[in-house]
Amino acid sequence: MNCYETLFILKPTLTEEETAAQIDAVKSSIAEQGGEVAAVNDLGMRKLAYEIDKNARGYYTVVYHKSPASSIAEIERRLRYNENVLKFLTIRYRNKKEIAQFEKQVAACNGSKEESKEEASAEA
């Protein structure tokens, strides 16, 4: 199992429910291919560097996962044919320094989720 980071940009015209469904579809695609999702980082709506299909903004999401190398082609194929995905990029972490950075990013994503849950429970 190798460590990967998959960044994808969704169309800005999707509703919150549709965006969540697209993110869940990517996560289930990773699981179907024998991988495990370590963390998901929703970066939210951001301005694109250049227009893609007449869209100046996009919804950025990063999925950190550990998957077999053979599964990446299928995951990328599904992203490529999804009409709601504007762009995607998969990065493989290879050496010890990169894997340490991967673990650090996963911990940061999971830590921020736990902090937001604690804040929500403290407000209630």
N, C-alpha and C. Protein backbone atom coordinates (compact mmCIF):
# COMPACT_ATOMS: atom_id res chain seq x y z
N MET A 1 0.85 -1.18 0.00
CA MET A 1 0.00 0.00 0.00
C MET A 1 0.89 1.24 0.00
N ASN A 2 0.62 2.11 -0.93
CA ASN A 2 1.35 3.36 -1.05
C ASN A 2 0.50 4.51 -0.54
N CYS A 3 1.14 5.60 -0.18
CA CYS A 3 0.45 6.79 0.30
C CYS A 3 0.21 7.73 -0.87
N TYR A 4 -1.03 8.21 -0.98
CA TYR A 4 -1.40 9.11 -2.06
C TYR A 4 -2.21 10.28 -1.54
N GLU A 5 -2.15 11.36 -2.29
CA GLU A 5 -2.97 12.54 -2.06
C GLU A 5 -3.68 12.83 -3.38
N THR A 6 -5.01 12.85 -3.36
CA THR A 6 -5.77 13.15 -4.56
C THR A 6 -6.52 14.46 -4.34
N LEU A 7 -6.18 15.44 -5.15
CA LEU A 7 -6.84 16.74 -5.12
C LEU A 7 -7.80 16.79 -6.29
N PHE A 8 -9.05 17.20 -6.05
CA PHE A 8 -9.96 17.39 -7.17
C PHE A 8 -10.79 18.64 -6.94
N ILE A 9 -11.18 19.26 -8.06
CA ILE A 9 -11.94 20.51 -8.04
C ILE A 9 -13.30 20.23 -8.65
N LEU A 10 -14.35 20.51 -7.88
CA LEU A 10 -15.72 20.31 -8.34
C LEU A 10 -16.31 21.61 -8.88
N LYS A 11 -17.33 21.47 -9.71
CA LYS A 11 -18.01 22.64 -10.26
C LYS A 11 -18.63 23.47 -9.13
N PRO A 12 -18.62 24.79 -9.26
CA PRO A 12 -19.18 25.65 -8.20
C PRO A 12 -20.71 25.68 -8.21
N THR A 13 -21.34 25.16 -9.24
CA THR A 13 -22.80 25.21 -9.34
C THR A 13 -23.50 24.11 -8.56
N LEU A 14 -22.74 23.18 -7.97
CA LEU A 14 -23.33 22.08 -7.22
C LEU A 14 -23.84 22.57 -5.87
N THR A 15 -24.94 21.96 -5.40
CA THR A 15 -25.43 22.28 -4.07
C THR A 15 -24.56 21.57 -3.03
N GLU A 16 -24.77 21.88 -1.76
CA GLU A 16 -23.98 21.23 -0.70
C GLU A 16 -24.19 19.72 -0.70
N GLU A 17 -25.43 19.29 -0.92
CA GLU A 17 -25.73 17.85 -0.93
C GLU A 17 -25.04 17.17 -2.11
N GLU A 18 -25.07 17.81 -3.28
CA GLU A 18 -24.43 17.23 -4.46
C GLU A 18 -22.91 17.18 -4.29
N THR A 19 -22.35 18.22 -3.68
CA THR A 19 -20.91 18.24 -3.43
C THR A 19 -20.52 17.12 -2.47
N ALA A 20 -21.30 16.95 -1.41
CA ALA A 20 -21.04 15.87 -0.45
C ALA A 20 -21.17 14.51 -1.13
N ALA A 21 -22.14 14.37 -2.02
CA ALA A 21 -22.32 13.10 -2.73
C ALA A 21 -21.12 12.81 -3.64
N GLN A 22 -20.58 13.84 -4.29
CA GLN A 22 -19.41 13.65 -5.15
C GLN A 22 -18.19 13.24 -4.34
N ILE A 23 -18.00 13.85 -3.18
CA ILE A 23 -16.87 13.51 -2.31
C ILE A 23 -17.02 12.08 -1.81
N ASP A 24 -18.25 11.70 -1.41
CA ASP A 24 -18.49 10.32 -0.97
C ASP A 24 -18.24 9.32 -2.10
N ALA A 25 -18.57 9.71 -3.34
CA ALA A 25 -18.34 8.83 -4.48
C ALA A 25 -16.85 8.57 -4.68
N VAL A 26 -16.04 9.59 -4.50
CA VAL A 26 -14.58 9.42 -4.63
C VAL A 26 -14.07 8.53 -3.51
N LYS A 27 -14.55 8.77 -2.28
CA LYS A 27 -14.11 7.95 -1.16
C LYS A 27 -14.52 6.49 -1.35
N SER A 28 -15.74 6.24 -1.85
CA SER A 28 -16.18 4.86 -2.07
C SER A 28 -15.40 4.22 -3.22
N SER A 29 -15.02 5.01 -4.21
CA SER A 29 -14.21 4.50 -5.32
C SER A 29 -12.85 4.03 -4.80
N ILE A 30 -12.27 4.78 -3.90
CA ILE A 30 -10.99 4.39 -3.30
C ILE A 30 -11.16 3.10 -2.51
N ALA A 31 -12.24 3.01 -1.73
CA ALA A 31 -12.49 1.81 -0.92
C ALA A 31 -12.75 0.59 -1.81
N GLU A 32 -13.48 0.77 -2.91
CA GLU A 32 -13.76 -0.35 -3.83
C GLU A 32 -12.48 -0.91 -4.45
N GLN A 33 -11.49 -0.05 -4.64
CA GLN A 33 -10.24 -0.48 -5.26
C GLN A 33 -9.24 -1.03 -4.24
N GLY A 34 -9.67 -1.21 -3.00
CA GLY A 34 -8.81 -1.81 -1.99
C GLY A 34 -8.00 -0.82 -1.18
N GLY A 35 -8.34 0.45 -1.27
CA GLY A 35 -7.61 1.46 -0.52
C GLY A 35 -8.36 1.86 0.74
N GLU A 36 -7.70 2.64 1.57
CA GLU A 36 -8.34 3.15 2.77
C GLU A 36 -8.12 4.66 2.85
N VAL A 37 -9.19 5.39 3.12
CA VAL A 37 -9.12 6.84 3.21
C VAL A 37 -8.59 7.21 4.59
N ALA A 38 -7.49 7.96 4.62
CA ALA A 38 -6.89 8.38 5.88
C ALA A 38 -7.51 9.67 6.37
N ALA A 39 -7.77 10.62 5.46
CA ALA A 39 -8.34 11.91 5.84
C ALA A 39 -8.90 12.60 4.61
N VAL A 40 -9.85 13.49 4.84
CA VAL A 40 -10.42 14.32 3.78
C VAL A 40 -10.33 15.76 4.25
N ASN A 41 -9.78 16.62 3.40
CA ASN A 41 -9.64 18.03 3.72
C ASN A 41 -10.47 18.83 2.71
N ASP A 42 -11.61 19.36 3.15
CA ASP A 42 -12.44 20.21 2.31
C ASP A 42 -11.88 21.62 2.39
N LEU A 43 -11.33 22.09 1.31
CA LEU A 43 -10.77 23.43 1.28
C LEU A 43 -11.82 24.47 0.91
N GLY A 44 -12.96 24.01 0.41
CA GLY A 44 -14.06 24.91 0.12
C GLY A 44 -13.95 25.58 -1.23
N MET A 45 -14.80 26.58 -1.42
CA MET A 45 -14.87 27.31 -2.68
C MET A 45 -13.71 28.28 -2.77
N ARG A 46 -12.99 28.22 -3.89
CA ARG A 46 -11.84 29.09 -4.11
C ARG A 46 -11.82 29.58 -5.55
N LYS A 47 -11.12 30.67 -5.75
CA LYS A 47 -10.95 31.22 -7.09
C LYS A 47 -9.93 30.38 -7.82
N LEU A 48 -10.20 30.04 -9.07
CA LEU A 48 -9.27 29.28 -9.89
C LEU A 48 -8.21 30.21 -10.47
N ALA A 49 -7.06 29.68 -10.78
CA ALA A 49 -5.99 30.47 -11.38
C ALA A 49 -6.39 30.92 -12.79
N TYR A 50 -7.17 30.10 -13.47
CA TYR A 50 -7.68 30.42 -14.80
C TYR A 50 -9.03 29.74 -14.95
N GLU A 51 -9.84 30.23 -15.87
CA GLU A 51 -11.18 29.67 -16.05
C GLU A 51 -11.10 28.27 -16.65
N ILE A 52 -11.94 27.38 -16.13
CA ILE A 52 -12.06 26.03 -16.65
C ILE A 52 -13.53 25.83 -17.00
N ASP A 53 -13.83 25.58 -18.25
CA ASP A 53 -15.22 25.42 -18.71
C ASP A 53 -16.09 26.60 -18.28
N LYS A 54 -15.55 27.79 -18.41
CA LYS A 54 -16.24 29.05 -18.08
C LYS A 54 -16.55 29.19 -16.59
N ASN A 55 -15.83 28.47 -15.75
CA ASN A 55 -15.97 28.58 -14.29
C ASN A 55 -14.74 29.30 -13.74
N ALA A 56 -14.98 30.37 -12.99
CA ALA A 56 -13.89 31.12 -12.38
C ALA A 56 -13.59 30.63 -10.97
N ARG A 57 -14.51 29.85 -10.39
CA ARG A 57 -14.34 29.32 -9.04
C ARG A 57 -14.54 27.82 -9.06
N GLY A 58 -14.10 27.16 -7.99
CA GLY A 58 -14.28 25.72 -7.88
C GLY A 58 -14.23 25.29 -6.42
N TYR A 59 -14.81 24.12 -6.13
CA TYR A 59 -14.81 23.57 -4.77
C TYR A 59 -13.66 22.57 -4.66
N TYR A 60 -12.65 22.93 -3.87
CA TYR A 60 -11.44 22.12 -3.73
C TYR A 60 -11.60 21.10 -2.60
N THR A 61 -11.17 19.87 -2.87
CA THR A 61 -11.16 18.82 -1.86
C THR A 61 -9.89 17.99 -2.02
N VAL A 62 -9.27 17.65 -0.91
CA VAL A 62 -8.08 16.80 -0.92
C VAL A 62 -8.41 15.54 -0.13
N VAL A 63 -8.15 14.38 -0.73
CA VAL A 63 -8.36 13.09 -0.06
C VAL A 63 -6.99 12.43 0.11
N TYR A 64 -6.62 12.16 1.34
CA TYR A 64 -5.38 11.45 1.65
C TYR A 64 -5.75 9.98 1.82
N HIS A 65 -5.07 9.09 1.08
CA HIS A 65 -5.43 7.67 1.16
C HIS A 65 -4.22 6.79 0.94
N LYS A 66 -4.36 5.54 1.40
CA LYS A 66 -3.35 4.51 1.18
C LYS A 66 -4.01 3.47 0.28
N SER A 67 -3.43 3.28 -0.89
CA SER A 67 -4.03 2.41 -1.90
C SER A 67 -2.95 1.62 -2.62
N PRO A 68 -3.34 0.48 -3.22
CA PRO A 68 -2.39 -0.23 -4.08
C PRO A 68 -2.12 0.61 -5.34
N ALA A 69 -0.94 0.50 -5.88
CA ALA A 69 -0.58 1.28 -7.06
C ALA A 69 -1.48 0.97 -8.25
N SER A 70 -1.95 -0.25 -8.35
CA SER A 70 -2.79 -0.65 -9.48
C SER A 70 -4.17 0.01 -9.46
N SER A 71 -4.59 0.52 -8.32
CA SER A 71 -5.93 1.10 -8.21
C SER A 71 -6.00 2.54 -8.67
N ILE A 72 -4.87 3.22 -8.78
CA ILE A 72 -4.87 4.65 -9.11
C ILE A 72 -5.43 4.89 -10.51
N ALA A 73 -5.14 4.03 -11.44
CA ALA A 73 -5.65 4.21 -12.81
C ALA A 73 -7.17 4.19 -12.83
N GLU A 74 -7.79 3.30 -12.08
CA GLU A 74 -9.25 3.22 -12.04
C GLU A 74 -9.84 4.43 -11.33
N ILE A 75 -9.24 4.87 -10.24
CA ILE A 75 -9.73 6.04 -9.51
C ILE A 75 -9.67 7.27 -10.42
N GLU A 76 -8.55 7.45 -11.12
CA GLU A 76 -8.41 8.59 -12.03
C GLU A 76 -9.36 8.48 -13.21
N ARG A 77 -9.63 7.27 -13.69
CA ARG A 77 -10.57 7.09 -14.80
C ARG A 77 -11.96 7.56 -14.39
N ARG A 78 -12.36 7.22 -13.17
CA ARG A 78 -13.67 7.64 -12.68
C ARG A 78 -13.75 9.16 -12.52
N LEU A 79 -12.66 9.77 -12.06
CA LEU A 79 -12.64 11.23 -11.94
C LEU A 79 -12.68 11.89 -13.32
N ARG A 80 -11.97 11.30 -14.28
CA ARG A 80 -11.91 11.87 -15.63
C ARG A 80 -13.29 11.88 -16.29
N TYR A 81 -14.08 10.85 -16.09
CA TYR A 81 -15.39 10.75 -16.74
C TYR A 81 -16.51 11.38 -15.93
N ASN A 82 -16.22 11.89 -14.76
CA ASN A 82 -17.24 12.55 -13.94
C ASN A 82 -17.37 13.99 -14.45
N GLU A 83 -18.54 14.35 -14.92
CA GLU A 83 -18.73 15.68 -15.52
C GLU A 83 -18.72 16.80 -14.48
N ASN A 84 -18.83 16.48 -13.20
CA ASN A 84 -18.82 17.50 -12.15
C ASN A 84 -17.41 17.83 -11.66
N VAL A 85 -16.42 17.07 -12.09
CA VAL A 85 -15.03 17.31 -11.70
C VAL A 85 -14.36 18.15 -12.78
N LEU A 86 -13.86 19.32 -12.39
CA LEU A 86 -13.18 20.20 -13.34
C LEU A 86 -11.74 19.75 -13.58
N LYS A 87 -11.01 19.49 -12.51
CA LYS A 87 -9.61 19.06 -12.57
C LYS A 87 -9.32 18.10 -11.42
N PHE A 88 -8.29 17.27 -11.59
CA PHE A 88 -7.84 16.41 -10.50
C PHE A 88 -6.34 16.18 -10.62
N LEU A 89 -5.74 15.80 -9.51
CA LEU A 89 -4.31 15.54 -9.46
C LEU A 89 -4.05 14.51 -8.36
N THR A 90 -3.28 13.49 -8.68
CA THR A 90 -2.91 12.48 -7.69
C THR A 90 -1.40 12.53 -7.48
N ILE A 91 -1.00 12.61 -6.22
CA ILE A 91 0.40 12.69 -5.85
C ILE A 91 0.75 11.45 -5.02
N ARG A 92 1.86 10.82 -5.36
CA ARG A 92 2.33 9.65 -4.61
C ARG A 92 3.48 10.07 -3.70
N TYR A 93 3.41 9.64 -2.45
CA TYR A 93 4.48 9.89 -1.49
C TYR A 93 5.38 8.66 -1.47
N ARG A 94 6.68 8.83 -1.76
CA ARG A 94 7.56 7.69 -1.94
C ARG A 94 8.57 7.50 -0.81
N ASN A 95 9.42 8.48 -0.55
CA ASN A 95 10.51 8.27 0.41
C ASN A 95 10.06 8.59 1.84
N LYS A 96 10.95 8.39 2.79
CA LYS A 96 10.61 8.53 4.20
C LYS A 96 10.18 9.95 4.57
N LYS A 97 10.86 10.95 4.01
CA LYS A 97 10.50 12.34 4.30
C LYS A 97 9.09 12.66 3.79
N GLU A 98 8.80 12.20 2.58
CA GLU A 98 7.48 12.46 2.01
C GLU A 98 6.39 11.74 2.81
N ILE A 99 6.65 10.51 3.22
CA ILE A 99 5.66 9.75 3.99
C ILE A 99 5.46 10.40 5.36
N ALA A 100 6.53 10.93 5.95
CA ALA A 100 6.40 11.64 7.22
C ALA A 100 5.52 12.88 7.03
N GLN A 101 5.70 13.58 5.92
CA GLN A 101 4.86 14.75 5.62
C GLN A 101 3.41 14.33 5.41
N PHE A 102 3.20 13.19 4.75
CA PHE A 102 1.85 12.65 4.55
C PHE A 102 1.17 12.41 5.90
N GLU A 103 1.88 11.75 6.81
CA GLU A 103 1.33 11.47 8.14
C GLU A 103 1.02 12.77 8.89
N LYS A 104 1.89 13.78 8.73
CA LYS A 104 1.68 15.06 9.38
C LYS A 104 0.42 15.75 8.85
N GLN A 105 0.22 15.71 7.54
CA GLN A 105 -0.97 16.32 6.93
C GLN A 105 -2.24 15.59 7.34
N VAL A 106 -2.19 14.27 7.41
CA VAL A 106 -3.35 13.49 7.85
C VAL A 106 -3.69 13.83 9.29
N ALA A 107 -2.67 13.93 10.15
CA ALA A 107 -2.90 14.28 11.55
C ALA A 107 -3.48 15.68 11.67
N ALA A 108 -3.01 16.60 10.84
CA ALA A 108 -3.55 17.97 10.88
C ALA A 108 -5.01 17.99 10.45
N CYS A 109 -5.36 17.23 9.42
CA CYS A 109 -6.76 17.18 8.96
C CYS A 109 -7.65 16.56 10.02
N ASN A 110 -7.22 15.45 10.59
CA ASN A 110 -8.03 14.78 11.61
C ASN A 110 -8.09 15.60 12.89
N GLY A 111 -7.02 16.31 13.22
CA GLY A 111 -6.99 17.16 14.40
C GLY A 111 -7.93 18.33 14.29
N SER A 112 -8.01 18.94 13.11
CA SER A 112 -8.91 20.09 12.92
C SER A 112 -10.36 19.65 12.99
N LYS A 113 -10.66 18.44 12.56
CA LYS A 113 -12.03 17.93 12.66
C LYS A 113 -12.41 17.71 14.12
N GLU A 114 -11.47 17.16 14.89
CA GLU A 114 -11.75 16.91 16.31
C GLU A 114 -11.94 18.21 17.06
N GLU A 115 -11.13 19.25 16.72
CA GLU A 115 -11.26 20.54 17.37
C GLU A 115 -12.61 21.18 17.07
N SER A 116 -13.06 21.06 15.81
CA SER A 116 -14.35 21.66 15.46
C SER A 116 -15.49 20.92 16.15
N LYS A 117 -15.35 19.61 16.35
CA LYS A 117 -16.37 18.84 17.07
C LYS A 117 -16.41 19.28 18.53
N GLU A 118 -15.23 19.49 19.12
CA GLU A 118 -15.16 19.93 20.52
C GLU A 118 -15.77 21.32 20.69
N GLU A 119 -15.51 22.21 19.74
CA GLU A 119 -16.08 23.55 19.81
C GLU A 119 -17.60 23.51 19.67
N ALA A 120 -18.10 22.66 18.79
CA ALA A 120 -19.54 22.54 18.60
C ALA A 120 -20.21 21.98 19.85
N SER A 121 -19.58 21.01 20.50
CA SER A 121 -20.17 20.44 21.71
C SER A 121 -20.08 21.42 22.88
N ALA A 122 -19.04 22.26 22.89
CA ALA A 122 -18.90 23.26 23.95
C ALA A 122 -19.94 24.36 23.81
N GLU A 123 -20.30 24.70 22.56
CA GLU A 123 -21.32 25.73 22.33
C GLU A 123 -22.71 25.24 22.71
N ALA A 124 -22.96 23.95 22.58
CA ALA A 124 -24.27 23.39 22.86
C ALA A 124 -24.47 23.23 24.32
